[in-house]
N, C-alpha and C. Protein backbone atom coordinates (compact mmCIF):
# COMPACT_ATOMS: atom_id res chain seq x y z
N MET A 1 -8.16 -3.28 -1.03
CA MET A 1 -9.01 -2.28 -0.42
C MET A 1 -8.53 -2.00 0.94
N SER A 2 -7.53 -2.22 1.40
CA SER A 2 -6.90 -1.98 2.63
C SER A 2 -7.87 -1.28 3.73
N GLY A 3 -8.56 -2.12 4.39
CA GLY A 3 -9.43 -1.71 5.46
C GLY A 3 -10.77 -1.30 5.11
N ALA A 4 -11.08 -1.03 3.82
CA ALA A 4 -12.36 -0.72 3.38
C ALA A 4 -13.26 -1.84 3.11
N SER A 5 -14.52 -1.75 3.22
CA SER A 5 -15.45 -2.84 2.89
C SER A 5 -16.30 -2.41 1.76
N PHE A 6 -16.69 -3.42 0.96
CA PHE A 6 -17.49 -3.10 -0.18
C PHE A 6 -18.88 -3.32 0.10
N LEU A 7 -19.74 -2.29 -0.20
CA LEU A 7 -21.28 -2.31 -0.03
C LEU A 7 -21.85 -2.74 -1.35
N SER A 8 -22.54 -3.77 -1.35
CA SER A 8 -23.21 -4.24 -2.60
C SER A 8 -24.41 -3.38 -2.80
N PRO A 9 -24.50 -2.76 -4.01
CA PRO A 9 -25.65 -1.84 -4.19
C PRO A 9 -26.97 -2.59 -4.20
N ILE A 10 -27.01 -3.84 -4.50
CA ILE A 10 -28.30 -4.53 -4.47
C ILE A 10 -28.69 -4.90 -3.03
N SER A 11 -27.77 -5.45 -2.28
CA SER A 11 -28.17 -5.84 -0.84
C SER A 11 -28.47 -4.61 0.04
N HIS A 12 -28.01 -3.42 -0.43
CA HIS A 12 -28.36 -2.21 0.45
C HIS A 12 -29.38 -1.43 -0.22
N GLY A 13 -30.05 -1.93 -1.27
CA GLY A 13 -31.22 -1.16 -1.81
C GLY A 13 -30.82 -0.08 -2.71
N MET A 14 -29.52 0.08 -3.05
CA MET A 14 -29.03 1.18 -3.87
C MET A 14 -29.30 0.81 -5.41
N MET A 15 -29.55 1.84 -6.20
CA MET A 15 -29.70 1.49 -7.61
C MET A 15 -28.91 2.64 -8.36
N GLY A 16 -28.36 2.27 -9.54
CA GLY A 16 -27.82 3.24 -10.51
C GLY A 16 -27.19 4.50 -10.01
N GLU A 17 -27.90 5.61 -10.13
CA GLU A 17 -27.24 6.93 -9.81
C GLU A 17 -26.92 7.12 -8.38
N GLU A 18 -27.68 6.48 -7.56
CA GLU A 18 -27.38 6.57 -6.13
C GLU A 18 -26.13 5.89 -5.76
N PHE A 19 -25.91 4.72 -6.35
CA PHE A 19 -24.62 3.93 -6.20
C PHE A 19 -23.46 4.73 -6.55
N PHE A 20 -23.52 5.35 -7.75
CA PHE A 20 -22.36 6.20 -8.23
C PHE A 20 -22.17 7.38 -7.43
N ARG A 21 -23.22 8.06 -6.75
CA ARG A 21 -22.90 9.11 -5.84
C ARG A 21 -22.23 8.66 -4.63
N VAL A 22 -22.62 7.54 -4.09
CA VAL A 22 -21.90 6.91 -2.90
C VAL A 22 -20.48 6.53 -3.32
N ALA A 23 -20.23 5.88 -4.46
CA ALA A 23 -18.93 5.58 -4.89
C ALA A 23 -18.05 6.80 -4.99
N ALA A 24 -18.54 7.86 -5.55
CA ALA A 24 -17.74 9.10 -5.69
C ALA A 24 -17.39 9.68 -4.23
N ARG A 25 -18.32 9.55 -3.37
CA ARG A 25 -18.21 10.19 -2.02
C ARG A 25 -17.10 9.35 -1.30
N ILE A 26 -17.04 8.07 -1.34
CA ILE A 26 -16.14 7.21 -0.58
C ILE A 26 -14.84 6.95 -1.35
N LYS A 27 -14.76 7.42 -2.53
CA LYS A 27 -13.54 7.41 -3.29
C LYS A 27 -13.13 5.93 -3.54
N ILE A 28 -13.80 5.25 -4.22
CA ILE A 28 -13.52 3.81 -4.61
C ILE A 28 -12.22 3.82 -5.46
N GLU A 29 -11.23 3.05 -5.11
CA GLU A 29 -10.03 2.93 -6.02
C GLU A 29 -10.10 1.55 -6.62
N THR A 30 -9.84 1.60 -7.89
CA THR A 30 -9.76 0.31 -8.65
C THR A 30 -8.37 -0.03 -9.06
N ALA A 31 -8.10 -1.30 -9.28
CA ALA A 31 -6.86 -1.75 -9.83
C ALA A 31 -7.16 -2.61 -11.02
N VAL A 32 -6.62 -2.20 -12.18
CA VAL A 32 -6.83 -2.89 -13.45
C VAL A 32 -5.51 -3.35 -13.97
N HIS A 33 -5.44 -4.54 -14.38
CA HIS A 33 -4.31 -5.13 -15.04
C HIS A 33 -4.61 -5.52 -16.44
N THR A 34 -3.97 -4.99 -17.45
CA THR A 34 -4.26 -5.35 -18.85
C THR A 34 -3.37 -6.36 -19.42
N TYR A 35 -3.95 -7.12 -20.23
CA TYR A 35 -3.31 -8.21 -20.96
C TYR A 35 -3.71 -8.11 -22.49
N PRO A 36 -2.83 -8.50 -23.35
CA PRO A 36 -3.22 -8.63 -24.74
C PRO A 36 -4.14 -9.83 -24.86
N LEU A 37 -5.02 -9.75 -25.74
CA LEU A 37 -6.02 -10.87 -25.96
C LEU A 37 -5.37 -12.28 -26.05
N ILE A 38 -4.23 -12.21 -26.65
CA ILE A 38 -3.51 -13.47 -26.90
C ILE A 38 -3.04 -14.09 -25.55
N ALA A 39 -2.97 -13.28 -24.48
CA ALA A 39 -2.53 -13.77 -23.19
C ALA A 39 -3.66 -14.01 -22.25
N ALA A 40 -4.91 -14.27 -22.84
CA ALA A 40 -6.00 -14.52 -22.00
C ALA A 40 -5.80 -15.68 -20.92
N ASN A 41 -5.22 -16.71 -21.41
CA ASN A 41 -4.89 -17.81 -20.39
C ASN A 41 -3.99 -17.36 -19.31
N GLN A 42 -2.98 -16.57 -19.55
CA GLN A 42 -2.16 -15.97 -18.49
C GLN A 42 -2.97 -15.10 -17.51
N ALA A 43 -3.77 -14.34 -18.03
CA ALA A 43 -4.64 -13.52 -17.21
C ALA A 43 -5.52 -14.38 -16.29
N LEU A 44 -6.12 -15.42 -16.85
CA LEU A 44 -6.93 -16.28 -16.02
C LEU A 44 -6.05 -17.00 -14.98
N ASN A 45 -4.88 -17.36 -15.30
CA ASN A 45 -3.95 -18.11 -14.36
C ASN A 45 -3.61 -17.07 -13.30
N ASP A 46 -3.33 -15.89 -13.64
CA ASP A 46 -2.88 -14.92 -12.62
C ASP A 46 -3.94 -14.55 -11.65
N LEU A 47 -5.23 -14.44 -12.22
CA LEU A 47 -6.37 -14.23 -11.30
C LEU A 47 -6.51 -15.38 -10.41
N ARG A 48 -6.55 -16.65 -11.03
CA ARG A 48 -6.71 -17.91 -10.19
C ARG A 48 -5.72 -18.06 -9.10
N GLU A 49 -4.42 -17.67 -9.35
CA GLU A 49 -3.32 -17.81 -8.41
C GLU A 49 -3.28 -16.69 -7.45
N GLY A 50 -4.07 -15.59 -7.64
CA GLY A 50 -4.10 -14.53 -6.67
C GLY A 50 -2.80 -13.60 -6.82
N ARG A 51 -2.33 -13.53 -8.05
CA ARG A 51 -1.02 -12.82 -8.28
C ARG A 51 -1.27 -11.25 -8.26
N PHE A 52 -2.54 -10.85 -8.21
CA PHE A 52 -2.81 -9.41 -8.01
C PHE A 52 -4.28 -9.24 -7.52
N ALA A 53 -4.63 -8.10 -6.96
CA ALA A 53 -5.90 -7.79 -6.56
C ALA A 53 -6.43 -6.85 -7.68
N GLY A 54 -7.69 -7.05 -8.01
CA GLY A 54 -8.32 -6.06 -9.05
C GLY A 54 -8.85 -6.88 -10.23
N ALA A 55 -8.86 -6.21 -11.27
CA ALA A 55 -9.60 -6.77 -12.52
C ALA A 55 -8.50 -6.95 -13.62
N ALA A 56 -8.74 -8.08 -14.36
CA ALA A 56 -7.81 -8.36 -15.56
C ALA A 56 -8.74 -8.01 -16.67
N VAL A 57 -8.13 -7.16 -17.54
CA VAL A 57 -8.79 -6.60 -18.79
C VAL A 57 -8.05 -7.10 -20.00
N LEU A 58 -8.76 -7.77 -20.89
CA LEU A 58 -8.14 -8.17 -22.12
C LEU A 58 -8.32 -7.06 -23.21
N ILE A 59 -7.13 -6.78 -23.89
CA ILE A 59 -7.13 -5.75 -24.89
C ILE A 59 -6.99 -6.34 -26.24
N ALA A 60 -7.88 -6.11 -27.16
CA ALA A 60 -7.85 -6.67 -28.58
C ALA A 60 -6.88 -5.77 -29.39
N ALA A 61 -6.11 -6.37 -30.16
CA ALA A 61 -5.20 -5.63 -31.08
C ALA A 61 -6.12 -4.86 -32.12
N CYS A 62 -5.75 -3.64 -32.50
CA CYS A 62 -6.53 -2.91 -33.48
C CYS A 62 -6.00 -3.21 -34.86
């Protein structure tokens, strides 16, 4: 988040639609790293070790 700070919607009294209006205005950028479901342990290890910033998303095979 290079210099940006995160405002918790709950601690600042924001709810639902208002939070998303603010999020759109300040242009929140997200980082998502996908892993196949079989690599769930690797995803957890990467998160635990701080190998990336953002979210790990598990993808189930169709």
